[in-house]
Amino acid sequence: MVSCNWSLATAADFLASLGDEHGTYLSLFTIMQPASVFALPLVDATVHKCGFGAAFQCVNGLTFVYILIKLTSHNLNVHIVTFIMVAVVRCYLFAVTFSFLPRLLSPDAVGKGTGFLYMVGGVASFVNIPLNNMVLHTGFFPPNLLYLLLTIPTTLMAVVVQLTIAKEDKDKRQKQQQALMS
């Protein structure tokens, strides 16, 4: 969530640093964000065929690739791919997270859990303020590298989610089998 906020908040300056003098690419980036809704069938298919863990890994993988492109390419035309990727990442992030919350929390706690999640994401996004100030002295490379490296712990977290779900499902099946036998 924080890296998405970083991309949204710094898009104008980042693209200008690559030569988008008239805001043409910024307009493309902005227009593509609501189009994220078109990725919902892909998200749905991922969750149903591969599970929540794999869907969270899609968020991590797409985030890793779009930040890697930001780090390695100065070609504005190449960055059009990242515009699409950011939109798809946001779709995956929000759709998967808010679909997973009811599985994680009791029905009467989902609203509070959602509020807590937004609060944590909002507070964590304050890290973008010093990173934005850093850009004035170092350019975008260090903050983008930081966000690239942060995909490592989130990838590990998705593995934990995947393993936990698999264990819970196995335990549930065993209990059902035991109930049928007794």
C-alpha atoms as a PDB file:
ATOM      1  CA  MET A   1       0.000   0.000   0.000  1.00  0.00           C
ATOM      2  CA  VAL A   2       2.805   2.388   0.911  1.00  0.00           C
ATOM      3  CA  SER A   3       4.685   1.831  -2.356  1.00  0.00           C
ATOM      4  CA  CYS A   4       1.454   2.457  -4.285  1.00  0.00           C
ATOM      5  CA  ASN A   5       0.993   5.693  -2.357  1.00  0.00           C
ATOM      6  CA  TRP A   6       4.611   6.584  -3.177  1.00  0.00           C
ATOM      7  CA  SER A   7       4.012   5.993  -6.886  1.00  0.00           C
ATOM      8  CA  LEU A   8       0.814   8.033  -6.881  1.00  0.00           C
ATOM      9  CA  ALA A   9       2.249  10.901  -4.843  1.00  0.00           C
ATOM     10  CA  THR A  10       5.498  11.232  -6.783  1.00  0.00           C
ATOM     11  CA  ALA A  11       4.302  10.428 -10.308  1.00  0.00           C
ATOM     12  CA  ALA A  12       4.435  14.036 -11.522  1.00  0.00           C
ATOM     13  CA  ASP A  13       7.959  14.685 -10.241  1.00  0.00           C
ATOM     14  CA  PHE A  14       9.275  11.263 -11.230  1.00  0.00           C
ATOM     15  CA  LEU A  15       7.974  11.549 -14.790  1.00  0.00           C
ATOM     16  CA  ALA A  16       9.228  15.138 -15.036  1.00  0.00           C
ATOM     17  CA  SER A  17      12.677  13.888 -13.990  1.00  0.00           C
ATOM     18  CA  LEU A  18      12.527  11.561 -17.001  1.00  0.00           C
ATOM     19  CA  GLY A  19      11.626  14.410 -19.353  1.00  0.00           C
ATOM     20  CA  ASP A  20       7.824  14.625 -19.260  1.00  0.00           C
ATOM     21  CA  GLU A  21       7.893  18.415 -19.613  1.00  0.00           C
ATOM     22  CA  HIS A  22       4.281  18.867 -20.701  1.00  0.00           C
ATOM     23  CA  GLY A  23       2.644  16.297 -18.427  1.00  0.00           C
ATOM     24  CA  THR A  24       1.612  14.007 -21.280  1.00  0.00           C
ATOM     25  CA  TYR A  25       2.816  10.850 -19.539  1.00  0.00           C
ATOM     26  CA  LEU A  26       1.419  12.030 -16.213  1.00  0.00           C
ATOM     27  CA  SER A  27      -1.980  12.337 -17.897  1.00  0.00           C
ATOM     28  CA  LEU A  28      -1.643   8.782 -19.211  1.00  0.00           C
ATOM     29  CA  PHE A  29      -0.670   7.539 -15.754  1.00  0.00           C
ATOM     30  CA  THR A  30      -3.637   9.316 -14.171  1.00  0.00           C
ATOM     31  CA  ILE A  31      -6.114   8.073 -16.777  1.00  0.00           C
ATOM     32  CA  MET A  32      -4.966   4.472 -16.350  1.00  0.00           C
ATOM     33  CA  GLN A  33      -5.537   4.293 -12.598  1.00  0.00           C
ATOM     34  CA  PRO A  34      -9.352   3.997 -12.675  1.00  0.00           C
ATOM     35  CA  ALA A  35      -8.929   1.377 -15.402  1.00  0.00           C
ATOM     36  CA  SER A  36      -7.642  -0.929 -12.670  1.00  0.00           C
ATOM     37  CA  VAL A  37     -11.201  -2.222 -12.384  1.00  0.00           C
ATOM     38  CA  PHE A  38     -10.628  -4.140 -15.629  1.00  0.00           C
ATOM     39  CA  ALA A  39      -8.153  -6.365 -13.780  1.00  0.00           C
ATOM     40  CA  LEU A  40     -10.860  -7.696 -11.440  1.00  0.00           C
ATOM     41  CA  PRO A  41     -11.578 -10.822 -13.536  1.00  0.00           C
ATOM     42  CA  LEU A  42      -7.861 -11.628 -13.411  1.00  0.00           C
ATOM     43  CA  VAL A  43      -7.823 -11.155  -9.635  1.00  0.00           C
ATOM     44  CA  ASP A  44     -10.918 -13.324  -9.281  1.00  0.00           C
ATOM     45  CA  ALA A  45      -9.396 -16.088 -11.405  1.00  0.00           C
ATOM     46  CA  THR A  46      -6.145 -15.968  -9.424  1.00  0.00           C
ATOM     47  CA  VAL A  47      -7.901 -16.242  -6.063  1.00  0.00           C
ATOM     48  CA  HIS A  48     -10.214 -19.056  -7.189  1.00  0.00           C
ATOM     49  CA  LYS A  49      -7.610 -21.121  -9.039  1.00  0.00           C
ATOM     50  CA  CYS A  50      -4.485 -20.451  -6.969  1.00  0.00           C
ATOM     51  CA  GLY A  51      -5.646 -19.072  -3.618  1.00  0.00           C
ATOM     52  CA  PHE A  52      -5.056 -15.947  -1.585  1.00  0.00           C
ATOM     53  CA  GLY A  53      -1.353 -16.601  -1.063  1.00  0.00           C
ATOM     54  CA  ALA A  54      -0.732 -16.670  -4.810  1.00  0.00           C
ATOM     55  CA  ALA A  55      -2.861 -13.555  -5.277  1.00  0.00           C
ATOM     56  CA  PHE A  56      -0.788 -11.727  -2.656  1.00  0.00           C
ATOM     57  CA  GLN A  57       2.333 -12.949  -4.475  1.00  0.00           C
ATOM     58  CA  CYS A  58       0.958 -11.351  -7.652  1.00  0.00           C
ATOM     59  CA  VAL A  59       0.926  -8.031  -5.791  1.00  0.00           C
ATOM     60  CA  ASN A  60       4.557  -8.582  -4.778  1.00  0.00           C
ATOM     61  CA  GLY A  61       5.699  -9.775  -8.197  1.00  0.00           C
ATOM     62  CA  LEU A  62       4.029  -6.943 -10.089  1.00  0.00           C
ATOM     63  CA  THR A  63       5.324  -4.406  -7.562  1.00  0.00           C
ATOM     64  CA  PHE A  64       8.850  -5.792  -7.888  1.00  0.00           C
ATOM     65  CA  VAL A  65       8.746  -5.591 -11.698  1.00  0.00           C
ATOM     66  CA  TYR A  66       7.308  -2.089 -11.939  1.00  0.00           C
ATOM     67  CA  ILE A  67       9.785  -0.724  -9.395  1.00  0.00           C
ATOM     68  CA  LEU A  68      12.628  -2.524 -11.171  1.00  0.00           C
ATOM     69  CA  ILE A  69      11.579  -0.777 -14.384  1.00  0.00           C
ATOM     70  CA  LYS A  70      11.493   2.548 -12.533  1.00  0.00           C
ATOM     71  CA  LEU A  71      15.050   1.890 -11.351  1.00  0.00           C
ATOM     72  CA  THR A  72      16.484   0.776 -14.675  1.00  0.00           C
ATOM     73  CA  SER A  73      14.709   2.652 -17.457  1.00  0.00           C
ATOM     74  CA  HIS A  74      14.730   6.333 -18.322  1.00  0.00           C
ATOM     75  CA  ASN A  75      12.565   5.808 -21.411  1.00  0.00           C
ATOM     76  CA  LEU A  76       9.135   7.350 -20.872  1.00  0.00           C
ATOM     77  CA  ASN A  77       7.547   4.997 -23.395  1.00  0.00           C
ATOM     78  CA  VAL A  78       8.735   2.006 -21.357  1.00  0.00           C
ATOM     79  CA  HIS A  79       7.117   3.556 -18.296  1.00  0.00           C
ATOM     80  CA  ILE A  80       3.705   3.240 -19.901  1.00  0.00           C
ATOM     81  CA  VAL A  81       4.016  -0.432 -18.924  1.00  0.00           C
ATOM     82  CA  THR A  82       4.511   0.623 -15.297  1.00  0.00           C
ATOM     83  CA  PHE A  83       1.367   2.771 -15.458  1.00  0.00           C
ATOM     84  CA  ILE A  84      -0.634  -0.341 -16.309  1.00  0.00           C
ATOM     85  CA  MET A  85       1.207  -2.371 -13.696  1.00  0.00           C
ATOM     86  CA  VAL A  86       0.512   0.154 -10.928  1.00  0.00           C
ATOM     87  CA  ALA A  87      -3.190   0.047 -11.811  1.00  0.00           C
ATOM     88  CA  VAL A  88      -3.212  -3.763 -11.770  1.00  0.00           C
ATOM     89  CA  VAL A  89      -1.231  -3.860  -8.502  1.00  0.00           C
ATOM     90  CA  ARG A  90      -3.758  -1.559  -6.863  1.00  0.00           C
ATOM     91  CA  CYS A  91      -6.621  -3.730  -8.082  1.00  0.00           C
ATOM     92  CA  TYR A  92      -4.950  -6.878  -6.748  1.00  0.00           C
ATOM     93  CA  LEU A  93      -3.936  -5.212  -3.499  1.00  0.00           C
ATOM     94  CA  PHE A  94      -7.344  -3.891  -2.557  1.00  0.00           C
ATOM     95  CA  ALA A  95      -9.481  -6.706  -3.986  1.00  0.00           C
ATOM     96  CA  VAL A  96      -7.391  -9.491  -2.462  1.00  0.00           C
ATOM     97  CA  THR A  97      -6.909  -7.773   0.883  1.00  0.00           C
ATOM     98  CA  PHE A  98     -10.577  -6.993   1.369  1.00  0.00           C
ATOM     99  CA  SER A  99     -11.616 -10.437   0.149  1.00  0.00           C
ATOM    100  CA  PHE A 100      -9.170 -12.072   2.553  1.00  0.00           C
ATOM    101  CA  LEU A 101     -10.157 -10.055   5.637  1.00  0.00           C
ATOM    102  CA  PRO A 102     -13.457 -11.939   6.194  1.00  0.00           C
ATOM    103  CA  ARG A 103     -11.520 -15.206   6.177  1.00  0.00           C
ATOM    104  CA  LEU A 104      -9.055 -13.825   8.696  1.00  0.00           C
ATOM    105  CA  LEU A 105     -11.482 -12.005  11.009  1.00  0.00           C
ATOM    106  CA  SER A 106     -14.927 -12.725  12.374  1.00  0.00           C
ATOM    107  CA  PRO A 107     -17.773 -11.042  10.452  1.00  0.00           C
ATOM    108  CA  ASP A 108     -18.362  -8.460  13.175  1.00  0.00           C
ATOM    109  CA  ALA A 109     -14.660  -7.471  13.182  1.00  0.00           C
ATOM    110  CA  VAL A 110     -14.158  -6.961   9.429  1.00  0.00           C
ATOM    111  CA  GLY A 111     -15.083  -3.271   9.564  1.00  0.00           C
ATOM    112  CA  LYS A 112     -12.704  -2.611  12.438  1.00  0.00           C
ATOM    113  CA  GLY A 113     -10.013  -4.655  10.708  1.00  0.00           C
ATOM    114  CA  THR A 114     -10.454  -2.631   7.531  1.00  0.00           C
ATOM    115  CA  GLY A 115     -10.240   0.608   9.488  1.00  0.00           C
ATOM    116  CA  PHE A 116      -7.124  -0.605  11.281  1.00  0.00           C
ATOM    117  CA  LEU A 117      -5.550  -1.639   7.974  1.00  0.00           C
ATOM    118  CA  TYR A 118      -6.204   1.791   6.462  1.00  0.00           C
ATOM    119  CA  MET A 119      -4.863   3.493   9.582  1.00  0.00           C
ATOM    120  CA  VAL A 120      -1.635   1.458   9.510  1.00  0.00           C
ATOM    121  CA  GLY A 121      -1.228   2.104   5.779  1.00  0.00           C
ATOM    122  CA  GLY A 122      -1.832   5.817   6.286  1.00  0.00           C
ATOM    123  CA  VAL A 123       0.597   6.105   9.169  1.00  0.00           C
ATOM    124  CA  ALA A 124       3.209   4.037   7.311  1.00  0.00           C
ATOM    125  CA  SER A 125       2.822   6.364   4.329  1.00  0.00           C
ATOM    126  CA  PHE A 126       4.284   9.172   6.422  1.00  0.00           C
ATOM    127  CA  VAL A 127       7.665   7.597   5.616  1.00  0.00           C
ATOM    128  CA  ASN A 128       7.143   9.062   2.149  1.00  0.00           C
ATOM    129  CA  ILE A 129       7.676  12.591   3.502  1.00  0.00           C
ATOM    130  CA  PRO A 130      11.385  12.161   4.323  1.00  0.00           C
ATOM    131  CA  LEU A 131      11.799  10.026   1.198  1.00  0.00           C
ATOM    132  CA  ASN A 132      10.336  12.848  -0.863  1.00  0.00           C
ATOM    133  CA  ASN A 133      12.795  15.261   0.748  1.00  0.00           C
ATOM    134  CA  MET A 134      15.615  12.809   0.020  1.00  0.00           C
ATOM    135  CA  VAL A 135      14.702  12.898  -3.675  1.00  0.00           C
ATOM    136  CA  LEU A 136      15.676  16.578  -3.771  1.00  0.00           C
ATOM    137  CA  HIS A 137      19.274  15.604  -2.938  1.00  0.00           C
ATOM    138  CA  THR A 138      19.692  12.087  -4.308  1.00  0.00           C
ATOM    139  CA  GLY A 139      17.114  11.651  -7.047  1.00  0.00           C
ATOM    140  CA  PHE A 140      14.533   8.868  -7.138  1.00  0.00           C
ATOM    141  CA  PHE A 141      16.929   5.917  -7.152  1.00  0.00           C
ATOM    142  CA  PRO A 142      17.391   5.419  -3.355  1.00  0.00           C
ATOM    143  CA  PRO A 143      13.676   5.556  -2.422  1.00  0.00           C
ATOM    144  CA  ASN A 144      12.729   3.337  -5.346  1.00  0.00           C
ATOM    145  CA  LEU A 145      15.457   0.881  -4.348  1.00  0.00           C
ATOM    146  CA  LEU A 146      14.070   0.877  -0.800  1.00  0.00           C
ATOM    147  CA  TYR A 147      10.605   0.009  -2.093  1.00  0.00           C
ATOM    148  CA  LEU A 148      12.087  -2.699  -4.300  1.00  0.00           C
ATOM    149  CA  LEU A 149      13.832  -4.227  -1.265  1.00  0.00           C
ATOM    150  CA  LEU A 150      10.619  -4.024   0.764  1.00  0.00           C
ATOM    151  CA  THR A 151       9.044  -6.541  -1.609  1.00  0.00           C
ATOM    152  CA  ILE A 152      11.252  -9.174   0.081  1.00  0.00           C
ATOM    153  CA  PRO A 153       9.488  -9.147   3.489  1.00  0.00           C
ATOM    154  CA  THR A 154       6.070  -8.804   1.864  1.00  0.00           C
ATOM    155  CA  THR A 155       6.867 -11.826  -0.297  1.00  0.00           C
ATOM    156  CA  LEU A 156       7.818 -13.780   2.826  1.00  0.00           C
ATOM    157  CA  MET A 157       4.590 -12.632   4.481  1.00  0.00           C
ATOM    158  CA  ALA A 158       2.573 -13.942   1.528  1.00  0.00           C
ATOM    159  CA  VAL A 159       4.338 -17.306   1.895  1.00  0.00           C
ATOM    160  CA  VAL A 160       3.323 -17.368   5.571  1.00  0.00           C
ATOM    161  CA  VAL A 161      -0.270 -16.583   4.554  1.00  0.00           C
ATOM    162  CA  GLN A 162      -0.176 -19.355   1.959  1.00  0.00           C
ATOM    163  CA  LEU A 163       1.215 -21.929   4.421  1.00  0.00           C
ATOM    164  CA  THR A 164      -1.197 -20.892   7.171  1.00  0.00           C
ATOM    165  CA  ILE A 165      -4.207 -21.213   4.877  1.00  0.00           C
ATOM    166  CA  ALA A 166      -3.016 -24.633   3.696  1.00  0.00           C
ATOM    167  CA  LYS A 167      -2.608 -25.818   7.308  1.00  0.00           C
ATOM    168  CA  GLU A 168      -6.012 -24.464   8.339  1.00  0.00           C
ATOM    169  CA  ASP A 169      -7.679 -26.105   5.340  1.00  0.00           C
ATOM    170  CA  LYS A 170      -5.967 -29.424   6.131  1.00  0.00           C
ATOM    171  CA  ASP A 171      -7.019 -29.234   9.787  1.00  0.00           C
ATOM    172  CA  LYS A 172     -10.578 -28.409   8.748  1.00  0.00           C
ATOM    173  CA  ARG A 173     -10.714 -31.389   6.357  1.00  0.00           C
ATOM    174  CA  GLN A 174      -9.352 -33.706   9.073  1.00  0.00           C
ATOM    175  CA  LYS A 175     -11.995 -32.514  11.548  1.00  0.00           C
ATOM    176  CA  GLN A 176     -14.714 -33.048   8.947  1.00  0.00           C
ATOM    177  CA  GLN A 177     -13.445 -36.568   8.241  1.00  0.00           C
ATOM    178  CA  GLN A 178     -13.315 -37.357  11.965  1.00  0.00           C
ATOM    179  CA  ALA A 179     -16.858 -36.056  12.390  1.00  0.00           C
ATOM    180  CA  LEU A 180     -18.062 -38.275   9.544  1.00  0.00           C
ATOM    181  CA  MET A 181     -16.381 -41.341  11.052  1.00  0.00           C
ATOM    182  CA  SER A 182     -17.876 -40.860  14.506  1.00  0.00           C
END
